Protein backbone atom coordinates (compact mmCIF):
# COMPACT_ATOMS: atom_id res chain seq x y z
CA UNK A 1 0.00 0.00 0.00
CA UNK A 2 1.29 3.46 -0.93
CA UNK A 3 1.47 6.62 1.16
CA UNK A 4 0.58 10.14 0.05
CA UNK A 5 4.28 11.03 -0.22
CA UNK A 6 4.68 8.48 -3.00
CA UNK A 7 1.94 9.99 -5.17
CA UNK A 8 2.02 12.72 -7.77
CA UNK A 9 0.22 16.00 -7.25
CA UNK A 10 -2.48 14.98 -9.73
CA UNK A 11 -3.10 11.68 -7.93
CA UNK A 12 -3.43 13.45 -4.57
CA UNK A 13 -5.90 15.93 -6.04
CA UNK A 14 -8.09 13.06 -7.27
CA UNK A 15 -7.99 11.48 -3.80
CA UNK A 16 -8.82 14.78 -2.09
CA UNK A 17 -11.85 15.25 -4.33
CA UNK A 18 -12.97 11.70 -3.58
CA UNK A 19 -12.56 12.35 0.16
CA UNK A 20 -14.83 15.39 -0.13
CA UNK A 21 -17.41 13.39 -2.08
CA UNK A 22 -17.42 10.61 0.50
CA UNK A 23 -17.79 13.09 3.36
CA UNK A 24 -20.69 14.83 1.64
CA UNK A 25 -22.22 11.38 1.29
CA UNK A 26 -22.19 11.08 5.08
CA UNK A 27 -19.30 8.66 5.54
CA UNK A 28 -17.30 8.97 8.77
CA UNK A 29 -13.65 10.06 8.73
CA UNK A 30 -12.54 6.53 9.60
CA UNK A 31 -14.85 5.12 6.92
CA UNK A 32 -13.37 7.49 4.35
CA UNK A 33 -9.86 6.41 5.28
CA UNK A 34 -10.81 2.76 4.80
CA UNK A 35 -12.62 3.42 1.50
CA UNK A 36 -9.66 5.35 0.08
CA UNK A 37 -7.38 2.47 1.02
CA UNK A 38 -9.60 0.05 -0.90
CA UNK A 39 -10.24 2.26 -3.93
CA UNK A 40 -6.75 3.70 -4.42
CA UNK A 41 -4.47 1.34 -2.48
CA UNK A 42 -3.27 4.38 -0.53
CA UNK A 43 -2.87 4.65 3.23
CA UNK A 44 -4.32 7.92 4.51
CA UNK A 45 -4.78 8.67 8.19
CA UNK A 46 -8.09 9.58 9.76
CA UNK A 47 -6.44 12.83 10.95
CA UNK A 48 -5.52 13.80 7.38
CA UNK A 49 -9.06 13.07 6.21
CA UNK A 50 -10.41 15.23 9.03
CA UNK A 51 -8.07 18.14 8.20
CA UNK A 52 -8.94 17.95 4.50
CA UNK A 53 -12.68 17.88 5.21
CA UNK A 54 -12.51 20.77 7.65
CA UNK A 55 -10.28 22.77 5.34
CA UNK A 56 -7.56 23.21 7.96
CA UNK A 57 -4.90 21.62 5.77
CA UNK A 58 -4.36 21.92 2.06
CA UNK A 59 -1.61 19.72 0.67
CA UNK A 60 -0.93 22.24 -2.08
CA UNK A 61 -0.60 25.48 -0.11
CA UNK A 62 3.17 25.47 -0.57
CA UNK A 63 3.24 23.73 -3.94
CA UNK A 64 3.35 25.61 -7.19
CA UNK A 65 1.95 23.97 -10.30
CA UNK A 66 4.42 23.74 -13.12
CA UNK A 67 3.21 24.15 -16.68
CA UNK A 68 5.15 21.60 -18.74
CA UNK A 69 3.55 22.50 -22.06
CA UNK A 70 6.10 23.26 -24.76
CA UNK A 71 7.22 26.88 -24.55
CA UNK A 72 10.35 28.99 -25.10
CA UNK A 73 10.77 29.32 -21.31
CA UNK A 74 10.67 25.57 -20.76
CA UNK A 75 13.09 25.03 -23.65
CA UNK A 76 15.46 27.56 -22.05
CA UNK A 77 15.41 25.73 -18.71
CA UNK A 78 15.82 22.28 -20.28
CA UNK A 79 18.69 23.57 -22.42
CA UNK A 80 20.43 25.08 -19.41
CA UNK A 81 19.94 21.89 -17.43
CA UNK A 82 21.50 19.70 -20.13
CA UNK A 83 24.24 22.23 -20.76
CA UNK A 84 25.49 23.87 -17.58
CA UNK A 85 23.19 22.90 -14.72
CA UNK A 86 22.50 20.06 -12.34
CA UNK A 87 19.53 19.31 -10.12
CA UNK A 88 19.35 17.59 -6.76
CA UNK A 89 16.40 16.44 -4.71
CA UNK A 90 16.39 17.40 -1.06
CA UNK A 91 13.94 16.60 1.68
CA UNK A 92 10.22 17.41 1.56
CA UNK A 93 10.06 17.50 -2.24
CA UNK A 94 12.47 20.43 -2.49
CA UNK A 95 14.71 20.56 -5.51
CA UNK A 96 17.80 22.66 -6.08
CA UNK A 97 19.20 23.66 -9.43
CA UNK A 98 22.88 24.51 -9.56
CA UNK A 99 24.12 26.49 -12.55
CA UNK A 100 27.85 26.78 -13.18
CA UNK A 101 28.70 29.28 -15.94
CA UNK A 102 31.13 32.09 -16.60
CA UNK A 103 28.53 34.36 -18.22
CA UNK A 104 27.06 36.42 -15.37
CA UNK A 105 24.21 37.80 -17.50
CA UNK A 106 23.11 34.27 -18.43
CA UNK A 107 23.19 33.18 -14.79
CA UNK A 108 21.16 36.19 -13.68
CA UNK A 109 18.63 35.69 -16.47
CA UNK A 110 18.29 32.02 -15.54
CA UNK A 111 17.77 32.92 -11.90
CA UNK A 112 15.18 35.55 -12.79
CA UNK A 113 17.28 38.42 -11.46
CA UNK A 114 18.54 41.41 -13.36
CA UNK A 115 21.16 43.93 -12.39
CA UNK A 116 19.98 47.49 -12.43
C-alpha atoms as a PDB file:
ATOM      1  CA  UNK A   1       0.000   0.000   0.000  1.00  0.00           C
ATOM      2  CA  UNK A   2       1.286   3.461  -0.932  1.00  0.00           C
ATOM      3  CA  UNK A   3       1.474   6.615   1.157  1.00  0.00           C
ATOM      4  CA  UNK A   4       0.577  10.137   0.053  1.00  0.00           C
ATOM      5  CA  UNK A   5       4.275  11.025  -0.223  1.00  0.00           C
ATOM      6  CA  UNK A   6       4.685   8.483  -2.997  1.00  0.00           C
ATOM      7  CA  UNK A   7       1.938   9.986  -5.167  1.00  0.00           C
ATOM      8  CA  UNK A   8       2.016  12.722  -7.767  1.00  0.00           C
ATOM      9  CA  UNK A   9       0.219  15.999  -7.255  1.00  0.00           C
ATOM     10  CA  UNK A  10      -2.484  14.978  -9.727  1.00  0.00           C
ATOM     11  CA  UNK A  11      -3.096  11.679  -7.931  1.00  0.00           C
ATOM     12  CA  UNK A  12      -3.427  13.445  -4.569  1.00  0.00           C
ATOM     13  CA  UNK A  13      -5.900  15.932  -6.041  1.00  0.00           C
ATOM     14  CA  UNK A  14      -8.086  13.062  -7.267  1.00  0.00           C
ATOM     15  CA  UNK A  15      -7.987  11.477  -3.799  1.00  0.00           C
ATOM     16  CA  UNK A  16      -8.818  14.784  -2.085  1.00  0.00           C
ATOM     17  CA  UNK A  17     -11.845  15.248  -4.331  1.00  0.00           C
ATOM     18  CA  UNK A  18     -12.968  11.699  -3.582  1.00  0.00           C
ATOM     19  CA  UNK A  19     -12.558  12.348   0.161  1.00  0.00           C
ATOM     20  CA  UNK A  20     -14.828  15.395  -0.128  1.00  0.00           C
ATOM     21  CA  UNK A  21     -17.412  13.388  -2.084  1.00  0.00           C
ATOM     22  CA  UNK A  22     -17.418  10.613   0.495  1.00  0.00           C
ATOM     23  CA  UNK A  23     -17.788  13.085   3.363  1.00  0.00           C
ATOM     24  CA  UNK A  24     -20.694  14.829   1.637  1.00  0.00           C
ATOM     25  CA  UNK A  25     -22.225  11.375   1.287  1.00  0.00           C
ATOM     26  CA  UNK A  26     -22.193  11.077   5.083  1.00  0.00           C
ATOM     27  CA  UNK A  27     -19.297   8.664   5.542  1.00  0.00           C
ATOM     28  CA  UNK A  28     -17.296   8.968   8.772  1.00  0.00           C
ATOM     29  CA  UNK A  29     -13.646  10.059   8.727  1.00  0.00           C
ATOM     30  CA  UNK A  30     -12.543   6.529   9.599  1.00  0.00           C
ATOM     31  CA  UNK A  31     -14.847   5.119   6.920  1.00  0.00           C
ATOM     32  CA  UNK A  32     -13.370   7.494   4.354  1.00  0.00           C
ATOM     33  CA  UNK A  33      -9.863   6.411   5.283  1.00  0.00           C
ATOM     34  CA  UNK A  34     -10.808   2.757   4.797  1.00  0.00           C
ATOM     35  CA  UNK A  35     -12.617   3.419   1.500  1.00  0.00           C
ATOM     36  CA  UNK A  36      -9.655   5.354   0.080  1.00  0.00           C
ATOM     37  CA  UNK A  37      -7.380   2.465   1.023  1.00  0.00           C
ATOM     38  CA  UNK A  38      -9.602   0.048  -0.904  1.00  0.00           C
ATOM     39  CA  UNK A  39     -10.238   2.257  -3.927  1.00  0.00           C
ATOM     40  CA  UNK A  40      -6.754   3.704  -4.425  1.00  0.00           C
ATOM     41  CA  UNK A  41      -4.465   1.340  -2.477  1.00  0.00           C
ATOM     42  CA  UNK A  42      -3.268   4.382  -0.526  1.00  0.00           C
ATOM     43  CA  UNK A  43      -2.873   4.655   3.227  1.00  0.00           C
ATOM     44  CA  UNK A  44      -4.318   7.923   4.515  1.00  0.00           C
ATOM     45  CA  UNK A  45      -4.778   8.674   8.187  1.00  0.00           C
ATOM     46  CA  UNK A  46      -8.089   9.585   9.761  1.00  0.00           C
ATOM     47  CA  UNK A  47      -6.436  12.826  10.953  1.00  0.00           C
ATOM     48  CA  UNK A  48      -5.524  13.801   7.384  1.00  0.00           C
ATOM     49  CA  UNK A  49      -9.062  13.072   6.212  1.00  0.00           C
ATOM     50  CA  UNK A  50     -10.408  15.228   9.035  1.00  0.00           C
ATOM     51  CA  UNK A  51      -8.072  18.138   8.200  1.00  0.00           C
ATOM     52  CA  UNK A  52      -8.943  17.947   4.497  1.00  0.00           C
ATOM     53  CA  UNK A  53     -12.677  17.877   5.206  1.00  0.00           C
ATOM     54  CA  UNK A  54     -12.508  20.773   7.651  1.00  0.00           C
ATOM     55  CA  UNK A  55     -10.279  22.773   5.340  1.00  0.00           C
ATOM     56  CA  UNK A  56      -7.557  23.211   7.959  1.00  0.00           C
ATOM     57  CA  UNK A  57      -4.901  21.615   5.774  1.00  0.00           C
ATOM     58  CA  UNK A  58      -4.360  21.915   2.065  1.00  0.00           C
ATOM     59  CA  UNK A  59      -1.608  19.723   0.672  1.00  0.00           C
ATOM     60  CA  UNK A  60      -0.928  22.239  -2.079  1.00  0.00           C
ATOM     61  CA  UNK A  61      -0.599  25.480  -0.106  1.00  0.00           C
ATOM     62  CA  UNK A  62       3.171  25.473  -0.569  1.00  0.00           C
ATOM     63  CA  UNK A  63       3.240  23.731  -3.939  1.00  0.00           C
ATOM     64  CA  UNK A  64       3.348  25.606  -7.194  1.00  0.00           C
ATOM     65  CA  UNK A  65       1.951  23.972 -10.302  1.00  0.00           C
ATOM     66  CA  UNK A  66       4.422  23.739 -13.122  1.00  0.00           C
ATOM     67  CA  UNK A  67       3.210  24.153 -16.676  1.00  0.00           C
ATOM     68  CA  UNK A  68       5.147  21.604 -18.742  1.00  0.00           C
ATOM     69  CA  UNK A  69       3.550  22.503 -22.064  1.00  0.00           C
ATOM     70  CA  UNK A  70       6.099  23.265 -24.762  1.00  0.00           C
ATOM     71  CA  UNK A  71       7.224  26.882 -24.551  1.00  0.00           C
ATOM     72  CA  UNK A  72      10.351  28.994 -25.100  1.00  0.00           C
ATOM     73  CA  UNK A  73      10.765  29.317 -21.314  1.00  0.00           C
ATOM     74  CA  UNK A  74      10.667  25.567 -20.759  1.00  0.00           C
ATOM     75  CA  UNK A  75      13.092  25.025 -23.652  1.00  0.00           C
ATOM     76  CA  UNK A  76      15.455  27.560 -22.047  1.00  0.00           C
ATOM     77  CA  UNK A  77      15.406  25.735 -18.712  1.00  0.00           C
ATOM     78  CA  UNK A  78      15.823  22.284 -20.282  1.00  0.00           C
ATOM     79  CA  UNK A  79      18.690  23.572 -22.418  1.00  0.00           C
ATOM     80  CA  UNK A  80      20.427  25.083 -19.408  1.00  0.00           C
ATOM     81  CA  UNK A  81      19.945  21.885 -17.431  1.00  0.00           C
ATOM     82  CA  UNK A  82      21.503  19.698 -20.126  1.00  0.00           C
ATOM     83  CA  UNK A  83      24.243  22.231 -20.761  1.00  0.00           C
ATOM     84  CA  UNK A  84      25.485  23.871 -17.583  1.00  0.00           C
ATOM     85  CA  UNK A  85      23.192  22.903 -14.719  1.00  0.00           C
ATOM     86  CA  UNK A  86      22.501  20.059 -12.345  1.00  0.00           C
ATOM     87  CA  UNK A  87      19.527  19.307 -10.122  1.00  0.00           C
ATOM     88  CA  UNK A  88      19.346  17.590  -6.756  1.00  0.00           C
ATOM     89  CA  UNK A  89      16.399  16.436  -4.707  1.00  0.00           C
ATOM     90  CA  UNK A  90      16.393  17.395  -1.057  1.00  0.00           C
ATOM     91  CA  UNK A  91      13.945  16.597   1.676  1.00  0.00           C
ATOM     92  CA  UNK A  92      10.218  17.407   1.559  1.00  0.00           C
ATOM     93  CA  UNK A  93      10.061  17.496  -2.239  1.00  0.00           C
ATOM     94  CA  UNK A  94      12.468  20.427  -2.485  1.00  0.00           C
ATOM     95  CA  UNK A  95      14.705  20.560  -5.514  1.00  0.00           C
ATOM     96  CA  UNK A  96      17.801  22.657  -6.083  1.00  0.00           C
ATOM     97  CA  UNK A  97      19.203  23.665  -9.433  1.00  0.00           C
ATOM     98  CA  UNK A  98      22.883  24.511  -9.563  1.00  0.00           C
ATOM     99  CA  UNK A  99      24.121  26.489 -12.546  1.00  0.00           C
ATOM    100  CA  UNK A 100      27.847  26.781 -13.184  1.00  0.00           C
ATOM    101  CA  UNK A 101      28.702  29.281 -15.936  1.00  0.00           C
ATOM    102  CA  UNK A 102      31.125  32.088 -16.605  1.00  0.00           C
ATOM    103  CA  UNK A 103      28.525  34.358 -18.221  1.00  0.00           C
ATOM    104  CA  UNK A 104      27.059  36.417 -15.371  1.00  0.00           C
ATOM    105  CA  UNK A 105      24.206  37.797 -17.501  1.00  0.00           C
ATOM    106  CA  UNK A 106      23.106  34.273 -18.428  1.00  0.00           C
ATOM    107  CA  UNK A 107      23.188  33.176 -14.790  1.00  0.00           C
ATOM    108  CA  UNK A 108      21.164  36.193 -13.676  1.00  0.00           C
ATOM    109  CA  UNK A 109      18.626  35.687 -16.469  1.00  0.00           C
ATOM    110  CA  UNK A 110      18.294  32.018 -15.542  1.00  0.00           C
ATOM    111  CA  UNK A 111      17.769  32.920 -11.897  1.00  0.00           C
ATOM    112  CA  UNK A 112      15.185  35.550 -12.786  1.00  0.00           C
ATOM    113  CA  UNK A 113      17.276  38.420 -11.463  1.00  0.00           C
ATOM    114  CA  UNK A 114      18.536  41.406 -13.356  1.00  0.00           C
ATOM    115  CA  UNK A 115      21.161  43.934 -12.390  1.00  0.00           C
ATOM    116  CA  UNK A 116      19.979  47.488 -12.427  1.00  0.00           C
END
